[in-house]
Amino acid sequence: METPVHPRVLNKGNWSTIRRVVADGVTDAWTLAGGTALALQIGHRYSEDLDFFHTRSFDVDDLLARIAQIGDVRVLARTGDRLHVLLADLRISFLKTGMPLLFPAIEYRGLRLADPQDIAVMKVIAIGGRGSRKDFVDLYCLLKGGMNLPRILSLIERRFASIDYNAYHLQKSLVWFDDAEAEPMPRMIRDIEWHSVRREIEGAVKAMSG
């Protein structure tokens, strides 16, 4: 995969907010994953949110207090192990993940970016729940970038070895586009059409079953 060289996926205002968050040390123990971490590494689309993950439990009140010292913050949602906030027009999520990542994070501008292979695992798991169009687009770009579906599924087996999951259900979910059909395409940098996304993923699933 490419070295992170695509800062334009986030606008200048977002980067200004990120610099303040990083300077305060709020994200030191966290790993940025999701579509933004992928976009920073492959430059396929714009993004407007950050998804940070940690393997340990955290004090939501303490974290929120630290963020509030940076600027005006609005809580969008919170539970015992999740916090979603809006900080200066940048949506930031902090989530606990029960399973550690498989690969070392990549350092970039004070952020720890999840490896694209770990992001691929998360994307397939997300699609297995209720995949958004962004998830399918991200998976498409991973596949076009040289990753293959059998490899991703083998990584899922490694990461979730202690959990009984349904591999057949995951594969079926990858070609269930009904929910995503109702959503718009994300703001793209690369010229990618939705029908190409569907065709590529359908072909990858068919190749596995054939």
C-alpha atoms as a PDB file:
ATOM      1  CA  MET A   1       0.000   0.000   0.000  1.00  0.00           C
ATOM      2  CA  GLU A   2       1.008   3.587  -0.539  1.00  0.00           C
ATOM      3  CA  THR A   3       2.732   5.768   2.020  1.00  0.00           C
ATOM      4  CA  PRO A   4       0.362   8.392   3.466  1.00  0.00           C
ATOM      5  CA  VAL A   5       0.770  11.392   1.184  1.00  0.00           C
ATOM      6  CA  HIS A   6      -2.795  12.605   0.703  1.00  0.00           C
ATOM      7  CA  PRO A   7      -3.526  15.376   3.221  1.00  0.00           C
ATOM      8  CA  ARG A   8      -6.088  17.027   0.942  1.00  0.00           C
ATOM      9  CA  VAL A   9      -8.715  14.418   1.831  1.00  0.00           C
ATOM     10  CA  LEU A  10      -9.377  16.669   4.844  1.00  0.00           C
ATOM     11  CA  ASN A  11      -9.892  20.414   4.512  1.00  0.00           C
ATOM     12  CA  LYS A  12      -7.700  23.088   6.120  1.00  0.00           C
ATOM     13  CA  GLY A  13     -10.179  23.683   8.925  1.00  0.00           C
ATOM     14  CA  ASN A  14     -10.183  19.985   9.782  1.00  0.00           C
ATOM     15  CA  TRP A  15      -6.393  19.901   9.847  1.00  0.00           C
ATOM     16  CA  SER A  16      -6.347  22.933  12.129  1.00  0.00           C
ATOM     17  CA  THR A  17      -8.606  21.071  14.567  1.00  0.00           C
ATOM     18  CA  ILE A  18      -6.524  17.908  14.278  1.00  0.00           C
ATOM     19  CA  ARG A  19      -3.328  19.817  15.064  1.00  0.00           C
ATOM     20  CA  ARG A  20      -4.891  21.120  18.273  1.00  0.00           C
ATOM     21  CA  VAL A  21      -6.118  17.658  19.257  1.00  0.00           C
ATOM     22  CA  VAL A  22      -2.704  16.116  18.569  1.00  0.00           C
ATOM     23  CA  ALA A  23      -0.843  18.913  20.377  1.00  0.00           C
ATOM     24  CA  ASP A  24      -2.981  18.338  23.466  1.00  0.00           C
ATOM     25  CA  GLY A  25      -2.122  14.635  23.439  1.00  0.00           C
ATOM     26  CA  VAL A  26      -5.756  13.521  23.352  1.00  0.00           C
ATOM     27  CA  THR A  27      -5.155  10.899  20.660  1.00  0.00           C
ATOM     28  CA  ASP A  28      -1.727   9.661  21.782  1.00  0.00           C
ATOM     29  CA  ALA A  29      -2.996   6.204  22.765  1.00  0.00           C
ATOM     30  CA  TRP A  30      -5.523   5.936  19.952  1.00  0.00           C
ATOM     31  CA  THR A  31      -5.381   4.558  16.407  1.00  0.00           C
ATOM     32  CA  LEU A  32      -7.190   6.292  13.559  1.00  0.00           C
ATOM     33  CA  ALA A  33      -9.002   3.747  11.407  1.00  0.00           C
ATOM     34  CA  GLY A  34     -12.005   3.812   9.090  1.00  0.00           C
ATOM     35  CA  GLY A  35     -12.393   5.617   5.794  1.00  0.00           C
ATOM     36  CA  THR A  36     -10.353   8.674   6.720  1.00  0.00           C
ATOM     37  CA  ALA A  37      -7.294   6.632   7.687  1.00  0.00           C
ATOM     38  CA  LEU A  38      -7.607   4.776   4.398  1.00  0.00           C
ATOM     39  CA  ALA A  39      -8.140   7.953   2.365  1.00  0.00           C
ATOM     40  CA  LEU A  40      -5.022   9.528   3.862  1.00  0.00           C
ATOM     41  CA  GLN A  41      -3.073   6.531   2.565  1.00  0.00           C
ATOM     42  CA  ILE A  42      -4.598   5.992  -0.880  1.00  0.00           C
ATOM     43  CA  GLY A  43      -6.244   9.340  -1.663  1.00  0.00           C
ATOM     44  CA  HIS A  44      -9.455   8.006  -3.149  1.00  0.00           C
ATOM     45  CA  ARG A  45     -12.058  10.287  -1.529  1.00  0.00           C
ATOM     46  CA  TYR A  46     -12.606  13.250   0.754  1.00  0.00           C
ATOM     47  CA  SER A  47     -13.579  12.760   4.377  1.00  0.00           C
ATOM     48  CA  GLU A  48     -15.042  14.820   7.182  1.00  0.00           C
ATOM     49  CA  ASP A  49     -14.827  12.576  10.240  1.00  0.00           C
ATOM     50  CA  LEU A  50     -12.301  10.709  12.331  1.00  0.00           C
ATOM     51  CA  ASP A  51     -12.778   7.270  13.898  1.00  0.00           C
ATOM     52  CA  PHE A  52     -10.320   6.501  16.697  1.00  0.00           C
ATOM     53  CA  PHE A  53     -10.048   3.040  18.240  1.00  0.00           C
ATOM     54  CA  HIS A  54      -8.518   1.722  21.458  1.00  0.00           C
ATOM     55  CA  THR A  55      -8.360  -1.824  22.821  1.00  0.00           C
ATOM     56  CA  ARG A  56      -8.828  -0.734  26.434  1.00  0.00           C
ATOM     57  CA  SER A  57     -11.771   0.758  28.277  1.00  0.00           C
ATOM     58  CA  PHE A  58     -11.647   4.508  28.769  1.00  0.00           C
ATOM     59  CA  ASP A  59     -13.308   7.115  30.948  1.00  0.00           C
ATOM     60  CA  VAL A  60     -15.766   8.937  28.697  1.00  0.00           C
ATOM     61  CA  ASP A  61     -16.137  11.874  31.098  1.00  0.00           C
ATOM     62  CA  ASP A  62     -12.387  12.348  31.380  1.00  0.00           C
ATOM     63  CA  LEU A  63     -11.904  12.193  27.619  1.00  0.00           C
ATOM     64  CA  LEU A  64     -14.743  14.633  27.028  1.00  0.00           C
ATOM     65  CA  ALA A  65     -13.282  17.069  29.556  1.00  0.00           C
ATOM     66  CA  ARG A  66      -9.947  17.015  27.745  1.00  0.00           C
ATOM     67  CA  ILE A  67     -11.595  17.632  24.387  1.00  0.00           C
ATOM     68  CA  ALA A  68     -13.634  20.510  25.831  1.00  0.00           C
ATOM     69  CA  GLN A  69     -10.384  22.268  26.746  1.00  0.00           C
ATOM     70  CA  ILE A  70      -9.479  22.411  23.061  1.00  0.00           C
ATOM     71  CA  GLY A  71     -12.598  24.204  21.840  1.00  0.00           C
ATOM     72  CA  ASP A  72     -16.377  24.218  21.688  1.00  0.00           C
ATOM     73  CA  VAL A  73     -17.533  20.624  21.626  1.00  0.00           C
ATOM     74  CA  ARG A  74     -20.972  19.137  21.091  1.00  0.00           C
ATOM     75  CA  VAL A  75     -21.715  15.591  22.187  1.00  0.00           C
ATOM     76  CA  LEU A  76     -23.494  13.666  19.441  1.00  0.00           C
ATOM     77  CA  ALA A  77     -23.731  10.349  21.290  1.00  0.00           C
ATOM     78  CA  ARG A  78     -22.095   8.565  24.185  1.00  0.00           C
ATOM     79  CA  THR A  79     -22.163   5.193  25.924  1.00  0.00           C
ATOM     80  CA  GLY A  80     -19.831   3.390  28.279  1.00  0.00           C
ATOM     81  CA  ASP A  81     -17.289   2.635  25.560  1.00  0.00           C
ATOM     82  CA  ARG A  82     -18.152   5.101  22.786  1.00  0.00           C
ATOM     83  CA  LEU A  83     -17.988   8.854  22.412  1.00  0.00           C
ATOM     84  CA  HIS A  84     -19.056  10.804  19.320  1.00  0.00           C
ATOM     85  CA  VAL A  85     -18.464  14.549  19.297  1.00  0.00           C
ATOM     86  CA  LEU A  86     -18.452  17.511  16.959  1.00  0.00           C
ATOM     87  CA  LEU A  87     -15.412  19.727  17.458  1.00  0.00           C
ATOM     88  CA  ALA A  88     -15.197  22.805  15.211  1.00  0.00           C
ATOM     89  CA  ASP A  89     -17.237  21.117  12.441  1.00  0.00           C
ATOM     90  CA  LEU A  90     -15.141  17.942  12.614  1.00  0.00           C
ATOM     91  CA  ARG A  91     -16.936  14.797  13.730  1.00  0.00           C
ATOM     92  CA  ILE A  92     -14.699  12.669  15.937  1.00  0.00           C
ATOM     93  CA  SER A  93     -15.548   9.229  17.311  1.00  0.00           C
ATOM     94  CA  PHE A  94     -13.715   7.337  20.039  1.00  0.00           C
ATOM     95  CA  LEU A  95     -14.548   3.645  20.270  1.00  0.00           C
ATOM     96  CA  LYS A  96     -13.302   0.643  22.168  1.00  0.00           C
ATOM     97  CA  THR A  97     -12.495  -2.392  20.043  1.00  0.00           C
ATOM     98  CA  GLY A  98     -12.274  -5.734  21.783  1.00  0.00           C
ATOM     99  CA  MET A  99      -9.629  -7.168  19.477  1.00  0.00           C
ATOM    100  CA  PRO A 100      -6.162  -5.677  18.892  1.00  0.00           C
ATOM    101  CA  LEU A 101      -5.104  -4.696  15.393  1.00  0.00           C
ATOM    102  CA  LEU A 102      -2.975  -7.163  13.464  1.00  0.00           C
ATOM    103  CA  PHE A 103      -0.422  -4.764  12.000  1.00  0.00           C
ATOM    104  CA  PRO A 104       1.653  -1.844  13.314  1.00  0.00           C
ATOM    105  CA  ALA A 105       0.125   1.588  12.938  1.00  0.00           C
ATOM    106  CA  ILE A 106       1.608   4.132  10.540  1.00  0.00           C
ATOM    107  CA  GLU A 107       2.715   7.477  11.983  1.00  0.00           C
ATOM    108  CA  TYR A 108       1.545  10.531  10.065  1.00  0.00           C
ATOM    109  CA  ARG A 109       1.305  14.141  11.272  1.00  0.00           C
ATOM    110  CA  GLY A 110       1.052  13.026  14.869  1.00  0.00           C
ATOM    111  CA  LEU A 111      -1.665  10.478  14.101  1.00  0.00           C
ATOM    112  CA  ARG A 112      -1.405   6.701  14.277  1.00  0.00           C
ATOM    113  CA  LEU A 113      -3.082   5.362  11.134  1.00  0.00           C
ATOM    114  CA  ALA A 114      -4.302   1.779  11.013  1.00  0.00           C
ATOM    115  CA  ASP A 115      -2.682  -0.360   8.340  1.00  0.00           C
ATOM    116  CA  PRO A 116      -4.891  -0.762   5.236  1.00  0.00           C
ATOM    117  CA  GLN A 117      -5.125  -4.504   5.930  1.00  0.00           C
ATOM    118  CA  ASP A 118      -6.659  -3.822   9.335  1.00  0.00           C
ATOM    119  CA  ILE A 119      -8.984  -1.281   7.743  1.00  0.00           C
ATOM    120  CA  ALA A 120     -10.046  -3.908   5.191  1.00  0.00           C
ATOM    121  CA  VAL A 121     -11.017  -6.230   8.048  1.00  0.00           C
ATOM    122  CA  MET A 122     -13.073  -3.465   9.653  1.00  0.00           C
ATOM    123  CA  LYS A 123     -14.776  -2.611   6.365  1.00  0.00           C
ATOM    124  CA  VAL A 124     -15.891  -6.185   5.716  1.00  0.00           C
ATOM    125  CA  ILE A 125     -17.147  -6.484   9.305  1.00  0.00           C
ATOM    126  CA  ALA A 126     -19.027  -3.187   8.904  1.00  0.00           C
ATOM    127  CA  ILE A 127     -20.611  -4.379   5.674  1.00  0.00           C
ATOM    128  CA  GLY A 128     -21.608  -7.573   7.482  1.00  0.00           C
ATOM    129  CA  GLY A 129     -23.620  -5.385   9.855  1.00  0.00           C
ATOM    130  CA  ARG A 130     -25.139  -2.765   7.627  1.00  0.00           C
ATOM    131  CA  GLY A 131     -22.773  -1.577   4.957  1.00  0.00           C
ATOM    132  CA  SER A 132     -22.917   2.051   3.881  1.00  0.00           C
ATOM    133  CA  ARG A 133     -22.020   3.062   0.355  1.00  0.00           C
ATOM    134  CA  LYS A 134     -18.778   4.521   1.718  1.00  0.00           C
ATOM    135  CA  ASP A 135     -17.842   1.103   3.115  1.00  0.00           C
ATOM    136  CA  PHE A 136     -18.378  -0.553  -0.256  1.00  0.00           C
ATOM    137  CA  VAL A 137     -16.412   2.184  -2.050  1.00  0.00           C
ATOM    138  CA  ASP A 138     -13.529   1.794   0.394  1.00  0.00           C
ATOM    139  CA  LEU A 139     -13.527  -1.985  -0.037  1.00  0.00           C
ATOM    140  CA  TYR A 140     -13.583  -1.570  -3.817  1.00  0.00           C
ATOM    141  CA  CYS A 141     -10.491   0.649  -3.663  1.00  0.00           C
ATOM    142  CA  LEU A 142      -8.703  -1.844  -1.434  1.00  0.00           C
ATOM    143  CA  LEU A 143      -9.441  -4.630  -3.905  1.00  0.00           C
ATOM    144  CA  LYS A 144      -8.330  -2.519  -6.867  1.00  0.00           C
ATOM    145  CA  GLY A 145      -5.180  -1.648  -4.940  1.00  0.00           C
ATOM    146  CA  GLY A 146      -4.086  -5.273  -4.849  1.00  0.00           C
ATOM    147  CA  MET A 147      -5.782  -6.740  -1.810  1.00  0.00           C
ATOM    148  CA  ASN A 148      -7.958  -9.795  -2.362  1.00  0.00           C
ATOM    149  CA  LEU A 149     -11.028 -11.091  -0.601  1.00  0.00           C
ATOM    150  CA  PRO A 150      -9.600 -14.464   0.526  1.00  0.00           C
ATOM    151  CA  ARG A 151      -6.739 -12.587   2.192  1.00  0.00           C
ATOM    152  CA  ILE A 152      -9.141 -10.233   3.998  1.00  0.00           C
ATOM    153  CA  LEU A 153     -11.292 -13.126   5.216  1.00  0.00           C
ATOM    154  CA  SER A 154      -8.206 -14.964   6.467  1.00  0.00           C
ATOM    155  CA  LEU A 155      -7.239 -11.851   8.430  1.00  0.00           C
ATOM    156  CA  ILE A 156     -10.724 -11.757   9.943  1.00  0.00           C
ATOM    157  CA  GLU A 157     -10.225 -15.356  11.090  1.00  0.00           C
ATOM    158  CA  ARG A 158      -6.919 -14.372  12.708  1.00  0.00           C
ATOM    159  CA  ARG A 159      -8.238 -11.277  14.424  1.00  0.00           C
ATOM    160  CA  PHE A 160     -11.447 -12.881  15.667  1.00  0.00           C
ATOM    161  CA  ALA A 161     -10.087 -16.378  16.290  1.00  0.00           C
ATOM    162  CA  SER A 162     -11.720 -16.529  19.721  1.00  0.00           C
ATOM    163  CA  ILE A 163     -15.133 -15.468  18.415  1.00  0.00           C
ATOM    164  CA  ASP A 164     -17.598 -17.630  16.515  1.00  0.00           C
ATOM    165  CA  TYR A 165     -18.557 -15.640  13.426  1.00  0.00           C
ATOM    166  CA  ASN A 166     -20.435 -16.651  10.293  1.00  0.00           C
ATOM    167  CA  ALA A 167     -18.128 -16.484   7.267  1.00  0.00           C
ATOM    168  CA  TYR A 168     -20.980 -17.415   4.927  1.00  0.00           C
ATOM    169  CA  HIS A 169     -23.066 -14.504   6.232  1.00  0.00           C
ATOM    170  CA  LEU A 170     -20.152 -12.130   5.650  1.00  0.00           C
ATOM    171  CA  GLN A 171     -19.799 -13.197   2.025  1.00  0.00           C
ATOM    172  CA  LYS A 172     -23.542 -12.848   1.419  1.00  0.00           C
ATOM    173  CA  SER A 173     -23.498  -9.384   3.000  1.00  0.00           C
ATOM    174  CA  LEU A 174     -20.830  -8.258   0.550  1.00  0.00           C
ATOM    175  CA  VAL A 175     -23.306  -8.521  -2.319  1.00  0.00           C
ATOM    176  CA  TRP A 176     -26.296  -7.073  -0.443  1.00  0.00           C
ATOM    177  CA  PHE A 177     -26.411  -3.529  -1.785  1.00  0.00           C
ATOM    178  CA  ASP A 178     -30.019  -2.555  -1.027  1.00  0.00           C
ATOM    179  CA  ASP A 179     -29.236  -0.168   1.831  1.00  0.00           C
ATOM    180  CA  ALA A 180     -26.259   1.353   0.037  1.00  0.00           C
ATOM    181  CA  GLU A 181     -28.318   1.916  -3.121  1.00  0.00           C
ATOM    182  CA  ALA A 182     -30.356   4.557  -1.290  1.00  0.00           C
ATOM    183  CA  GLU A 183     -27.245   6.536  -0.311  1.00  0.00           C
ATOM    184  CA  PRO A 184     -25.271   9.037  -2.396  1.00  0.00           C
ATOM    185  CA  MET A 185     -21.692   8.475  -3.454  1.00  0.00           C
ATOM    186  CA  PRO A 186     -19.153   9.999  -1.077  1.00  0.00           C
ATOM    187  CA  ARG A 187     -17.231  13.020  -2.341  1.00  0.00           C
ATOM    188  CA  MET A 188     -14.668  11.356  -4.533  1.00  0.00           C
ATOM    189  CA  ILE A 189     -11.175  12.336  -5.599  1.00  0.00           C
ATOM    190  CA  ARG A 190     -10.806   9.399  -7.949  1.00  0.00           C
ATOM    191  CA  ASP A 191     -13.306   8.988 -10.760  1.00  0.00           C
ATOM    192  CA  ILE A 192     -15.237   5.941  -9.552  1.00  0.00           C
ATOM    193  CA  GLU A 193     -18.756   4.924 -10.553  1.00  0.00           C
ATOM    194  CA  TRP A 194     -21.094   2.980  -8.269  1.00  0.00           C
ATOM    195  CA  HIS A 195     -21.778   0.315 -10.888  1.00  0.00           C
ATOM    196  CA  SER A 196     -18.025  -0.387 -11.044  1.00  0.00           C
ATOM    197  CA  VAL A 197     -17.939  -0.816  -7.270  1.00  0.00           C
ATOM    198  CA  ARG A 198     -20.760  -3.337  -7.384  1.00  0.00           C
ATOM    199  CA  ARG A 199     -19.280  -5.256 -10.292  1.00  0.00           C
ATOM    200  CA  GLU A 200     -15.833  -5.540  -8.703  1.00  0.00           C
ATOM    201  CA  ILE A 201     -17.139  -6.786  -5.356  1.00  0.00           C
ATOM    202  CA  GLU A 202     -19.639  -9.168  -6.950  1.00  0.00           C
ATOM    203  CA  GLY A 203     -16.809 -10.583  -9.055  1.00  0.00           C
ATOM    204  CA  ALA A 204     -14.578 -11.059  -6.018  1.00  0.00           C
ATOM    205  CA  VAL A 205     -17.310 -12.920  -4.119  1.00  0.00           C
ATOM    206  CA  LYS A 206     -18.182 -15.037  -7.159  1.00  0.00           C
ATOM    207  CA  ALA A 207     -14.526 -15.987  -7.626  1.00  0.00           C
ATOM    208  CA  MET A 208     -14.426 -17.290  -4.070  1.00  0.00           C
ATOM    209  CA  SER A 209     -17.569 -19.360  -4.422  1.00  0.00           C
ATOM    210  CA  GLY A 210     -16.700 -20.634  -7.882  1.00  0.00           C
END
